[in-house]
PDB file of N, CA and C in Angstrom:
ATOM      1  N   UNK A   1      66.958 -12.702  21.235  1.00  0.00           N
ATOM      2  CA  UNK A   1      66.090 -13.234  20.197  1.00  0.00           C
ATOM      3  C   UNK A   1      64.644 -12.846  20.533  1.00  0.00           C
ATOM      4  N   UNK A   2      63.896 -12.267  19.599  1.00  0.00           N
ATOM      5  CA  UNK A   2      62.497 -11.911  19.847  1.00  0.00           C
ATOM      6  C   UNK A   2      61.685 -13.148  20.245  1.00  0.00           C
ATOM      7  N   UNK A   3      60.615 -12.931  21.002  1.00  0.00           N
ATOM      8  CA  UNK A   3      59.812 -14.023  21.532  1.00  0.00           C
ATOM      9  C   UNK A   3      59.329 -14.983  20.442  1.00  0.00           C
ATOM     10  N   UNK A   4      58.927 -14.469  19.292  1.00  0.00           N
ATOM     11  CA  UNK A   4      58.396 -15.324  18.233  1.00  0.00           C
ATOM     12  C   UNK A   4      59.468 -15.787  17.240  1.00  0.00           C
ATOM     13  N   UNK A   5      60.734 -15.444  17.466  1.00  0.00           N
ATOM     14  CA  UNK A   5      61.816 -15.866  16.574  1.00  0.00           C
ATOM     15  C   UNK A   5      62.088 -17.354  16.765  1.00  0.00           C
ATOM     16  N   UNK A   6      62.488 -18.018  15.693  1.00  0.00           N
ATOM     17  CA  UNK A   6      62.770 -19.443  15.718  1.00  0.00           C
ATOM     18  C   UNK A   6      64.264 -19.671  15.609  1.00  0.00           C
ATOM     19  N   UNK A   7      64.753 -20.653  16.318  1.00  0.00           N
ATOM     20  CA  UNK A   7      66.149 -21.046  16.208  1.00  0.00           C
ATOM     21  C   UNK A   7      66.357 -22.417  16.828  1.00  0.00           C
ATOM     22  N   UNK A   8      67.041 -23.291  16.109  1.00  0.00           N
ATOM     23  CA  UNK A   8      67.354 -24.627  16.604  1.00  0.00           C
ATOM     24  C   UNK A   8      68.748 -24.998  16.120  1.00  0.00           C
ATOM     25  N   UNK A   9      69.497 -25.682  16.942  1.00  0.00           N
ATOM     26  CA  UNK A   9      70.836 -26.132  16.575  1.00  0.00           C
ATOM     27  C   UNK A   9      70.779 -27.640  16.350  1.00  0.00           C
ATOM     28  N   UNK A  10      71.116 -28.062  15.142  1.00  0.00           N
ATOM     29  CA  UNK A  10      71.163 -29.485  14.812  1.00  0.00           C
ATOM     30  C   UNK A  10      72.558 -29.810  14.285  1.00  0.00           C
ATOM     31  N   UNK A  11      73.249 -30.671  14.996  1.00  0.00           N
ATOM     32  CA  UNK A  11      74.607 -31.083  14.638  1.00  0.00           C
ATOM     33  C   UNK A  11      75.507 -29.875  14.369  1.00  0.00           C
ATOM     34  N   UNK A  12      75.536 -28.955  15.308  1.00  0.00           N
ATOM     35  CA  UNK A  12      76.389 -27.765  15.291  1.00  0.00           C
ATOM     36  C   UNK A  12      76.045 -26.741  14.213  1.00  0.00           C
ATOM     37  N   UNK A  13      74.889 -26.863  13.579  1.00  0.00           N
ATOM     38  CA  UNK A  13      74.421 -25.866  12.617  1.00  0.00           C
ATOM     39  C   UNK A  13      73.156 -25.235  13.175  1.00  0.00           C
ATOM     40  N   UNK A  14      73.115 -23.910  13.194  1.00  0.00           N
ATOM     41  CA  UNK A  14      71.946 -23.196  13.694  1.00  0.00           C
ATOM     42  C   UNK A  14      71.022 -22.876  12.520  1.00  0.00           C
ATOM     43  N   UNK A  15      69.755 -23.241  12.687  1.00  0.00           N
ATOM     44  CA  UNK A  15      68.738 -22.986  11.668  1.00  0.00           C
ATOM     45  C   UNK A  15      67.750 -21.960  12.217  1.00  0.00           C
ATOM     46  N   UNK A  16      67.470 -20.925  11.413  1.00  0.00           N
ATOM     47  CA  UNK A  16      66.497 -19.923  11.846  1.00  0.00           C
ATOM     48  C   UNK A  16      65.238 -19.953  10.984  1.00  0.00           C
ATOM     49  N   UNK A  17      65.211 -20.862  10.020  1.00  0.00           N
ATOM     50  CA  UNK A  17      64.012 -21.063   9.194  1.00  0.00           C
ATOM     51  C   UNK A  17      63.476 -22.461   9.479  1.00  0.00           C
ATOM     52  N   UNK A  18      62.194 -22.524   9.795  1.00  0.00           N
ATOM     53  CA  UNK A  18      61.591 -23.795  10.191  1.00  0.00           C
ATOM     54  C   UNK A  18      61.697 -24.872   9.111  1.00  0.00           C
ATOM     55  N   UNK A  19      61.470 -24.517   7.866  1.00  0.00           N
ATOM     56  CA  UNK A  19      61.512 -25.518   6.802  1.00  0.00           C
ATOM     57  C   UNK A  19      62.923 -26.090   6.633  1.00  0.00           C
ATOM     58  N   UNK A  20      63.947 -25.237   6.715  1.00  0.00           N
ATOM     59  CA  UNK A  20      65.335 -25.726   6.643  1.00  0.00           C
ATOM     60  C   UNK A  20      65.643 -26.650   7.815  1.00  0.00           C
ATOM     61  N   UNK A  21      65.157 -26.284   8.995  1.00  0.00           N
ATOM     62  CA  UNK A  21      65.370 -27.112  10.182  1.00  0.00           C
ATOM     63  C   UNK A  21      64.656 -28.456  10.039  1.00  0.00           C
ATOM     64  N   UNK A  22      63.466 -28.429   9.464  1.00  0.00           N
ATOM     65  CA  UNK A  22      62.715 -29.668   9.255  1.00  0.00           C
ATOM     66  C   UNK A  22      63.425 -30.610   8.305  1.00  0.00           C
ATOM     67  N   UNK A  23      63.995 -30.059   7.238  1.00  0.00           N
ATOM     68  CA  UNK A  23      64.761 -30.882   6.287  1.00  0.00           C
ATOM     69  C   UNK A  23      65.990 -31.489   6.970  1.00  0.00           C
ATOM     70  N   UNK A  24      66.683 -30.662   7.748  1.00  0.00           N
ATOM     71  CA  UNK A  24      67.871 -31.142   8.462  1.00  0.00           C
ATOM     72  C   UNK A  24      67.485 -32.233   9.465  1.00  0.00           C
ATOM     73  N   UNK A  25      66.381 -32.035  10.176  1.00  0.00           N
ATOM     74  CA  UNK A  25      65.924 -33.024  11.147  1.00  0.00           C
ATOM     75  C   UNK A  25      65.657 -34.363  10.471  1.00  0.00           C
ATOM     76  N   UNK A  26      64.957 -34.339   9.350  1.00  0.00           N
ATOM     77  CA  UNK A  26      64.684 -35.589   8.632  1.00  0.00           C
ATOM     78  C   UNK A  26      65.968 -36.258   8.158  1.00  0.00           C
ATOM     79  N   UNK A  27      66.959 -35.464   7.794  1.00  0.00           N
ATOM     80  CA  UNK A  27      68.237 -36.026   7.366  1.00  0.00           C
ATOM     81  C   UNK A  27      69.022 -36.658   8.498  1.00  0.00           C
ATOM     82  N   UNK A  28      68.746 -36.255   9.722  1.00  0.00           N
ATOM     83  CA  UNK A  28      69.502 -36.746  10.873  1.00  0.00           C
ATOM     84  C   UNK A  28      68.856 -37.924  11.592  1.00  0.00           C
ATOM     85  N   UNK A  29      67.582 -38.148  11.403  1.00  0.00           N
ATOM     86  CA  UNK A  29      66.917 -39.184  12.190  1.00  0.00           C
ATOM     87  C   UNK A  29      67.409 -40.588  11.848  1.00  0.00           C
ATOM     88  N   UNK A  30      67.957 -40.774  10.678  1.00  0.00           N
ATOM     89  CA  UNK A  30      68.492 -42.085  10.310  1.00  0.00           C
ATOM     90  C   UNK A  30      69.605 -42.548  11.242  1.00  0.00           C
ATOM     91  N   UNK A  31      70.266 -41.607  11.902  1.00  0.00           N
ATOM     92  CA  UNK A  31      71.332 -41.960  12.849  1.00  0.00           C
ATOM     93  C   UNK A  31      70.790 -42.822  13.981  1.00  0.00           C
ATOM     94  N   UNK A  32      69.512 -42.747  14.238  1.00  0.00           N
ATOM     95  CA  UNK A  32      68.911 -43.499  15.329  1.00  0.00           C
ATOM     96  C   UNK A  32      68.612 -44.949  14.959  1.00  0.00           C
ATOM     97  N   UNK A  33      68.595 -45.270  13.683  1.00  0.00           N
ATOM     98  CA  UNK A  33      68.208 -46.624  13.272  1.00  0.00           C
ATOM     99  C   UNK A  33      69.125 -47.700  13.833  1.00  0.00           C
ATOM    100  N   UNK A  34      70.397 -47.440  13.882  1.00  0.00           N
ATOM    101  CA  UNK A  34      71.331 -48.453  14.345  1.00  0.00           C
ATOM    102  C   UNK A  34      71.571 -48.435  15.842  1.00  0.00           C
ATOM    103  N   UNK A  35      70.835 -47.623  16.568  1.00  0.00           N
ATOM    104  CA  UNK A  35      71.060 -47.468  18.000  1.00  0.00           C
ATOM    105  C   UNK A  35      69.847 -47.933  18.804  1.00  0.00           C
ATOM    106  N   UNK A  36      70.115 -48.582  19.904  1.00  0.00           N
ATOM    107  CA  UNK A  36      69.029 -48.995  20.785  1.00  0.00           C
ATOM    108  C   UNK A  36      68.622 -47.860  21.724  1.00  0.00           C
ATOM    109  N   UNK A  37      69.444 -46.834  21.788  1.00  0.00           N
ATOM    110  CA  UNK A  37      69.194 -45.694  22.671  1.00  0.00           C
ATOM    111  C   UNK A  37      68.971 -44.442  21.828  1.00  0.00           C
ATOM    112  N   UNK A  38      68.327 -43.424  22.398  1.00  0.00           N
ATOM    113  CA  UNK A  38      68.183 -42.149  21.685  1.00  0.00           C
ATOM    114  C   UNK A  38      69.557 -41.559  21.356  1.00  0.00           C
ATOM    115  N   UNK A  39      69.654 -40.919  20.193  1.00  0.00           N
ATOM    116  CA  UNK A  39      70.900 -40.328  19.717  1.00  0.00           C
ATOM    117  C   UNK A  39      70.782 -38.801  19.783  1.00  0.00           C
ATOM    118  N   UNK A  40      71.642 -38.118  20.556  1.00  0.00           N
ATOM    119  CA  UNK A  40      71.602 -36.655  20.609  1.00  0.00           C
ATOM    120  C   UNK A  40      71.950 -36.058  19.239  1.00  0.00           C
ATOM    121  N   UNK A  41      71.116 -35.115  18.778  1.00  0.00           N
ATOM    122  CA  UNK A  41      71.371 -34.495  17.472  1.00  0.00           C
ATOM    123  C   UNK A  41      71.374 -32.975  17.527  1.00  0.00           C
ATOM    124  N   UNK A  42      71.100 -32.383  18.690  1.00  0.00           N
ATOM    125  CA  UNK A  42      71.123 -30.928  18.755  1.00  0.00           C
ATOM    126  C   UNK A  42      70.511 -30.381  20.028  1.00  0.00           C
ATOM    127  N   UNK A  43      70.116 -29.102  19.940  1.00  0.00           N
ATOM    128  CA  UNK A  43      69.505 -28.440  21.087  1.00  0.00           C
ATOM    129  C   UNK A  43      68.470 -27.425  20.624  1.00  0.00           C
ATOM    130  N   UNK A  44      67.495 -27.176  21.506  1.00  0.00           N
ATOM    131  CA  UNK A  44      66.420 -26.243  21.224  1.00  0.00           C
ATOM    132  C   UNK A  44      65.965 -25.616  22.533  1.00  0.00           C
ATOM    133  N   UNK A  45      66.120 -24.314  22.657  1.00  0.00           N
ATOM    134  CA  UNK A  45      65.689 -23.562  23.840  1.00  0.00           C
ATOM    135  C   UNK A  45      66.170 -24.196  25.145  1.00  0.00           C
ATOM    136  N   UNK A  46      67.428 -24.602  25.175  1.00  0.00           N
ATOM    137  CA  UNK A  46      68.015 -25.166  26.383  1.00  0.00           C
ATOM    138  C   UNK A  46      67.750 -26.651  26.588  1.00  0.00           C
ATOM    139  N   UNK A  47      67.000 -27.264  25.699  1.00  0.00           N
ATOM    140  CA  UNK A  47      66.702 -28.691  25.783  1.00  0.00           C
ATOM    141  C   UNK A  47      67.571 -29.455  24.783  1.00  0.00           C
ATOM    142  N   UNK A  48      67.911 -30.682  25.126  1.00  0.00           N
ATOM    143  CA  UNK A  48      68.635 -31.541  24.191  1.00  0.00           C
ATOM    144  C   UNK A  48      67.633 -32.148  23.223  1.00  0.00           C
ATOM    145  N   UNK A  49      67.974 -32.152  21.947  1.00  0.00           N
ATOM    146  CA  UNK A  49      67.150 -32.799  20.934  1.00  0.00           C
ATOM    147  C   UNK A  49      67.801 -34.143  20.615  1.00  0.00           C
ATOM    148  N   UNK A  50      67.007 -35.192  20.692  1.00  0.00           N
ATOM    149  CA  UNK A  50      67.543 -36.492  20.332  1.00  0.00           C
ATOM    150  C   UNK A  50      66.571 -37.218  19.418  1.00  0.00           C
ATOM    151  N   UNK A  51      67.119 -38.124  18.606  1.00  0.00           N
ATOM    152  CA  UNK A  51      66.317 -38.929  17.691  1.00  0.00           C
ATOM    153  C   UNK A  51      66.280 -40.353  18.209  1.00  0.00           C
ATOM    154  N   UNK A  52      65.149 -40.986  18.018  1.00  0.00           N
ATOM    155  CA  UNK A  52      65.009 -42.384  18.434  1.00  0.00           C
ATOM    156  C   UNK A  52      64.160 -43.114  17.397  1.00  0.00           C
ATOM    157  N   UNK A  53      64.527 -44.357  17.131  1.00  0.00           N
ATOM    158  CA  UNK A  53      63.760 -45.221  16.225  1.00  0.00           C
ATOM    159  C   UNK A  53      63.070 -46.278  17.077  1.00  0.00           C
ATOM    160  N   UNK A  54      61.765 -46.402  16.897  1.00  0.00           N
ATOM    161  CA  UNK A  54      60.991 -47.397  17.629  1.00  0.00           C
ATOM    162  C   UNK A  54      60.676 -48.547  16.666  1.00  0.00           C
ATOM    163  N   UNK A  55      61.442 -49.635  16.740  1.00  0.00           N
ATOM    164  CA  UNK A  55      61.323 -50.697  15.750  1.00  0.00           C
ATOM    165  C   UNK A  55      59.962 -51.394  15.741  1.00  0.00           C
ATOM    166  N   UNK A  56      59.310 -51.510  16.888  1.00  0.00           N
ATOM    167  CA  UNK A  56      58.025 -52.206  16.935  1.00  0.00           C
ATOM    168  C   UNK A  56      57.000 -51.515  16.030  1.00  0.00           C
ATOM    169  N   UNK A  57      56.937 -50.206  16.114  1.00  0.00           N
ATOM    170  CA  UNK A  57      56.001 -49.455  15.281  1.00  0.00           C
ATOM    171  C   UNK A  57      56.625 -48.918  14.011  1.00  0.00           C
ATOM    172  N   UNK A  58      57.934 -49.187  13.806  1.00  0.00           N
ATOM    173  CA  UNK A  58      58.669 -48.665  12.651  1.00  0.00           C
ATOM    174  C   UNK A  58      58.499 -47.148  12.550  1.00  0.00           C
ATOM    175  N   UNK A  59      58.701 -46.460  13.692  1.00  0.00           N
ATOM    176  CA  UNK A  59      58.511 -45.014  13.763  1.00  0.00           C
ATOM    177  C   UNK A  59      59.772 -44.313  14.241  1.00  0.00           C
ATOM    178  N   UNK A  60      59.967 -43.111  13.704  1.00  0.00           N
ATOM    179  CA  UNK A  60      61.008 -42.228  14.207  1.00  0.00           C
ATOM    180  C   UNK A  60      60.343 -41.184  15.092  1.00  0.00           C
ATOM    181  N   UNK A  61      61.022 -40.841  16.179  1.00  0.00           N
ATOM    182  CA  UNK A  61      60.538 -39.804  17.077  1.00  0.00           C
ATOM    183  C   UNK A  61      61.692 -38.862  17.392  1.00  0.00           C
ATOM    184  N   UNK A  62      61.352 -37.616  17.659  1.00  0.00           N
ATOM    185  CA  UNK A  62      62.305 -36.670  18.223  1.00  0.00           C
ATOM    186  C   UNK A  62      61.909 -36.517  19.685  1.00  0.00           C
ATOM    187  N   UNK A  63      62.904 -36.361  20.518  1.00  0.00           N
ATOM    188  CA  UNK A  63      62.633 -36.130  21.930  1.00  0.00           C
ATOM    189  C   UNK A  63      63.348 -34.858  22.366  1.00  0.00           C
ATOM    190  N   UNK A  64      62.641 -34.036  23.118  1.00  0.00           N
ATOM    191  CA  UNK A  64      63.223 -32.857  23.748  1.00  0.00           C
ATOM    192  C   UNK A  64      63.445 -33.242  25.206  1.00  0.00           C
ATOM    193  N   UNK A  65      64.690 -33.145  25.650  1.00  0.00           N
ATOM    194  CA  UNK A  65      65.045 -33.627  26.984  1.00  0.00           C
ATOM    195  C   UNK A  65      65.561 -32.486  27.837  1.00  0.00           C
ATOM    196  N   UNK A  66      64.970 -32.323  28.980  1.00  0.00           N
ATOM    197  CA  UNK A  66      65.370 -31.334  29.981  1.00  0.00           C
ATOM    198  C   UNK A  66      64.965 -31.912  31.318  1.00  0.00           C
ATOM    199  N   UNK A  67      64.200 -31.168  32.112  1.00  0.00           N
ATOM    200  CA  UNK A  67      63.709 -31.732  33.365  1.00  0.00           C
ATOM    201  C   UNK A  67      62.784 -32.932  33.132  1.00  0.00           C
ATOM    202  N   UNK A  68      62.166 -32.975  31.966  1.00  0.00           N
ATOM    203  CA  UNK A  68      61.316 -34.093  31.552  1.00  0.00           C
ATOM    204  C   UNK A  68      61.705 -34.500  30.143  1.00  0.00           C
ATOM    205  N   UNK A  69      61.009 -35.474  29.617  1.00  0.00           N
ATOM    206  CA  UNK A  69      61.224 -35.914  28.231  1.00  0.00           C
ATOM    207  C   UNK A  69      59.933 -35.655  27.472  1.00  0.00           C
ATOM    208  N   UNK A  70      60.031 -34.923  26.378  1.00  0.00           N
ATOM    209  CA  UNK A  70      58.882 -34.597  25.543  1.00  0.00           C
ATOM    210  C   UNK A  70      59.077 -35.291  24.205  1.00  0.00           C
ATOM    211  N   UNK A  71      58.144 -36.149  23.849  1.00  0.00           N
ATOM    212  CA  UNK A  71      58.263 -37.017  22.678  1.00  0.00           C
ATOM    213  C   UNK A  71      57.408 -36.489  21.532  1.00  0.00           C
ATOM    214  N   UNK A  72      57.984 -36.473  20.325  1.00  0.00           N
ATOM    215  CA  UNK A  72      57.272 -36.006  19.138  1.00  0.00           C
ATOM    216  C   UNK A  72      57.429 -37.036  18.033  1.00  0.00           C
ATOM    217  N   UNK A  73      56.339 -37.712  17.638  1.00  0.00           N
ATOM    218  CA  UNK A  73      56.442 -38.627  16.497  1.00  0.00           C
ATOM    219  C   UNK A  73      56.704 -37.821  15.227  1.00  0.00           C
ATOM    220  N   UNK A  74      57.575 -38.335  14.374  1.00  0.00           N
ATOM    221  CA  UNK A  74      57.946 -37.614  13.153  1.00  0.00           C
ATOM    222  C   UNK A  74      57.296 -38.240  11.929  1.00  0.00           C
ATOM    223  N   UNK A  75      56.949 -37.376  10.979  1.00  0.00           N
ATOM    224  CA  UNK A  75      56.392 -37.819   9.706  1.00  0.00           C
ATOM    225  C   UNK A  75      57.263 -37.319   8.572  1.00  0.00           C
ATOM    226  N   UNK A  76      56.742 -37.344   7.364  1.00  0.00           N
ATOM    227  CA  UNK A  76      57.506 -36.948   6.180  1.00  0.00           C
ATOM    228  C   UNK A  76      57.432 -35.446   5.891  1.00  0.00           C
ATOM    229  N   UNK A  77      56.536 -34.724   6.559  1.00  0.00           N
ATOM    230  CA  UNK A  77      56.351 -33.294   6.321  1.00  0.00           C
ATOM    231  C   UNK A  77      57.411 -32.490   7.080  1.00  0.00           C
ATOM    232  N   UNK A  78      58.327 -31.877   6.352  1.00  0.00           N
ATOM    233  CA  UNK A  78      59.440 -31.169   6.990  1.00  0.00           C
ATOM    234  C   UNK A  78      58.961 -30.046   7.901  1.00  0.00           C
ATOM    235  N   UNK A  79      58.038 -29.260   7.467  1.00  0.00           N
ATOM    236  CA  UNK A  79      57.540 -28.154   8.283  1.00  0.00           C
ATOM    237  C   UNK A  79      56.666 -28.662   9.428  1.00  0.00           C
ATOM    238  N   UNK A  80      55.866 -29.669   9.149  1.00  0.00           N
ATOM    239  CA  UNK A  80      54.994 -30.233  10.172  1.00  0.00           C
ATOM    240  C   UNK A  80      55.769 -30.789  11.358  1.00  0.00           C
ATOM    241  N   UNK A  81      56.932 -31.371  11.109  1.00  0.00           N
ATOM    242  CA  UNK A  81      57.738 -31.923  12.201  1.00  0.00           C
ATOM    243  C   UNK A  81      58.266 -30.844  13.126  1.00  0.00           C
ATOM    244  N   UNK A  82      58.492 -29.670  12.612  1.00  0.00           N
ATOM    245  CA  UNK A  82      59.034 -28.580  13.423  1.00  0.00           C
ATOM    246  C   UNK A  82      57.939 -27.872  14.216  1.00  0.00           C
ATOM    247  N   UNK A  83      56.720 -27.813  13.708  1.00  0.00           N
ATOM    248  CA  UNK A  83      55.676 -27.070  14.414  1.00  0.00           C
ATOM    249  C   UNK A  83      54.798 -27.948  15.301  1.00  0.00           C
ATOM    250  N   UNK A  84      55.025 -29.268  15.327  1.00  0.00           N
ATOM    251  CA  UNK A  84      54.250 -30.151  16.199  1.00  0.00           C
ATOM    252  C   UNK A  84      54.490 -29.812  17.651  1.00  0.00           C
ATOM    253  N   UNK A  85      53.515 -30.028  18.455  1.00  0.00           N
ATOM    254  CA  UNK A  85      53.637 -29.851  19.893  1.00  0.00           C
ATOM    255  C   UNK A  85      54.112 -31.166  20.510  1.00  0.00           C
ATOM    256  N   UNK A  86      55.112 -31.100  21.379  1.00  0.00           N
ATOM    257  CA  UNK A  86      55.584 -32.334  22.006  1.00  0.00           C
ATOM    258  C   UNK A  86      54.572 -32.912  22.985  1.00  0.00           C
ATOM    259  N   UNK A  87      54.639 -34.212  23.167  1.00  0.00           N
ATOM    260  CA  UNK A  87      53.778 -34.904  24.114  1.00  0.00           C
ATOM    261  C   UNK A  87      54.568 -35.152  25.389  1.00  0.00           C
ATOM    262  N   UNK A  88      54.072 -34.700  26.557  1.00  0.00           N
ATOM    263  CA  UNK A  88      54.815 -34.934  27.808  1.00  0.00           C
ATOM    264  C   UNK A  88      54.878 -36.426  28.120  1.00  0.00           C
ATOM    265  N   UNK A  89      56.023 -36.830  28.684  1.00  0.00           N
ATOM    266  CA  UNK A  89      56.185 -38.232  29.097  1.00  0.00           C
ATOM    267  C   UNK A  89      56.574 -38.294  30.542  1.00  0.00           C
TER     268      UNK A  89
END
Protein backbone atom coordinates (compact mmCIF):
# COMPACT_ATOMS: atom_id res chain seq x y z
CA UNK A 1 0.00 0.00 0.00
CA UNK A 2 1.48 3.43 -0.92
CA UNK A 3 2.50 5.61 2.03
CA UNK A 4 -0.40 8.05 1.56
CA UNK A 5 -3.02 5.35 0.79
CA UNK A 6 -5.87 4.95 3.27
CA UNK A 7 -7.32 1.71 4.53
CA UNK A 8 -9.25 0.69 7.64
CA UNK A 9 -11.09 -2.50 8.53
CA UNK A 10 -14.36 -2.04 10.41
CA UNK A 11 -16.36 -5.15 11.31
CA UNK A 12 -14.61 -7.27 8.65
CA UNK A 13 -15.16 -4.72 5.86
CA UNK A 14 -12.16 -2.88 4.42
CA UNK A 15 -12.72 0.77 3.52
CA UNK A 16 -10.30 2.63 1.26
CA UNK A 17 -12.29 5.88 1.10
CA UNK A 18 -12.22 8.06 4.19
CA UNK A 19 -15.80 9.29 3.89
CA UNK A 20 -17.17 5.72 3.58
CA UNK A 21 -15.09 4.71 6.60
CA UNK A 22 -16.40 7.69 8.56
CA UNK A 23 -20.00 6.74 7.82
CA UNK A 24 -19.33 3.14 8.85
CA UNK A 25 -17.61 4.30 12.05
CA UNK A 26 -20.60 6.42 13.04
CA UNK A 27 -22.88 3.47 12.37
CA UNK A 28 -20.84 1.24 14.68
CA UNK A 29 -20.32 3.47 17.70
CA UNK A 30 -23.81 2.75 19.01
CA UNK A 31 -22.56 -0.73 19.93
CA UNK A 32 -20.68 0.92 22.78
CA UNK A 33 -23.77 2.43 24.43
CA UNK A 34 -24.80 -0.73 26.20
CA UNK A 35 -21.29 -1.66 27.31
CA UNK A 36 -19.27 -0.48 30.27
CA UNK A 37 -16.08 -1.44 28.44
CA UNK A 38 -14.69 -0.43 25.03
CA UNK A 39 -16.10 -2.53 22.18
CA UNK A 40 -13.66 -3.73 19.46
CA UNK A 41 -14.95 -2.70 16.02
CA UNK A 42 -11.97 -3.11 13.69
CA UNK A 43 -8.32 -2.45 12.98
CA UNK A 44 -6.15 0.28 11.51
CA UNK A 45 -2.43 -0.01 10.69
CA UNK A 46 -1.94 -2.88 13.12
CA UNK A 47 -3.89 -1.21 15.93
CA UNK A 48 -7.23 -2.36 17.31
CA UNK A 49 -10.05 0.13 16.83
CA UNK A 50 -12.60 0.20 19.60
CA UNK A 51 -15.63 2.34 20.42
CA UNK A 52 -16.47 3.60 23.87
CA UNK A 53 -19.36 5.66 25.25
CA UNK A 54 -18.58 8.01 28.12
CA UNK A 55 -21.91 8.50 29.89
CA UNK A 56 -20.79 11.37 32.14
CA UNK A 57 -20.06 13.61 29.16
CA UNK A 58 -22.53 11.82 26.84
CA UNK A 59 -19.67 11.38 24.34
CA UNK A 60 -18.58 8.68 21.95
CA UNK A 61 -14.87 8.08 21.45
CA UNK A 62 -12.83 5.83 19.21
CA UNK A 63 -9.69 4.35 20.65
CA UNK A 64 -6.68 3.01 18.77
CA UNK A 65 -5.05 0.34 20.91
CA UNK A 66 -1.55 -1.04 20.50
CA UNK A 67 1.43 -0.47 22.78
CA UNK A 68 -0.56 2.52 24.09
CA UNK A 69 -4.14 3.75 23.90
CA UNK A 70 -4.89 6.70 21.63
CA UNK A 71 -8.27 8.34 22.25
CA UNK A 72 -10.27 10.29 19.65
CA UNK A 73 -13.51 12.06 20.58
CA UNK A 74 -16.08 11.58 17.82
CA UNK A 75 -18.48 14.13 16.36
CA UNK A 76 -21.15 14.08 13.66
CA UNK A 77 -18.77 14.88 10.77
CA UNK A 78 -18.03 11.60 8.99
CA UNK A 79 -14.85 12.80 7.31
CA UNK A 80 -13.69 14.78 10.33
CA UNK A 81 -13.77 11.68 12.53
CA UNK A 82 -11.42 9.84 10.20
CA UNK A 83 -8.84 12.62 9.79
CA UNK A 84 -8.62 13.64 13.48
CA UNK A 85 -5.34 13.08 15.22
CA UNK A 86 -5.54 10.76 18.22
CA UNK A 87 -4.69 12.01 21.69
CA UNK A 88 -2.07 9.90 23.53
CA UNK A 89 -3.19 8.43 26.85
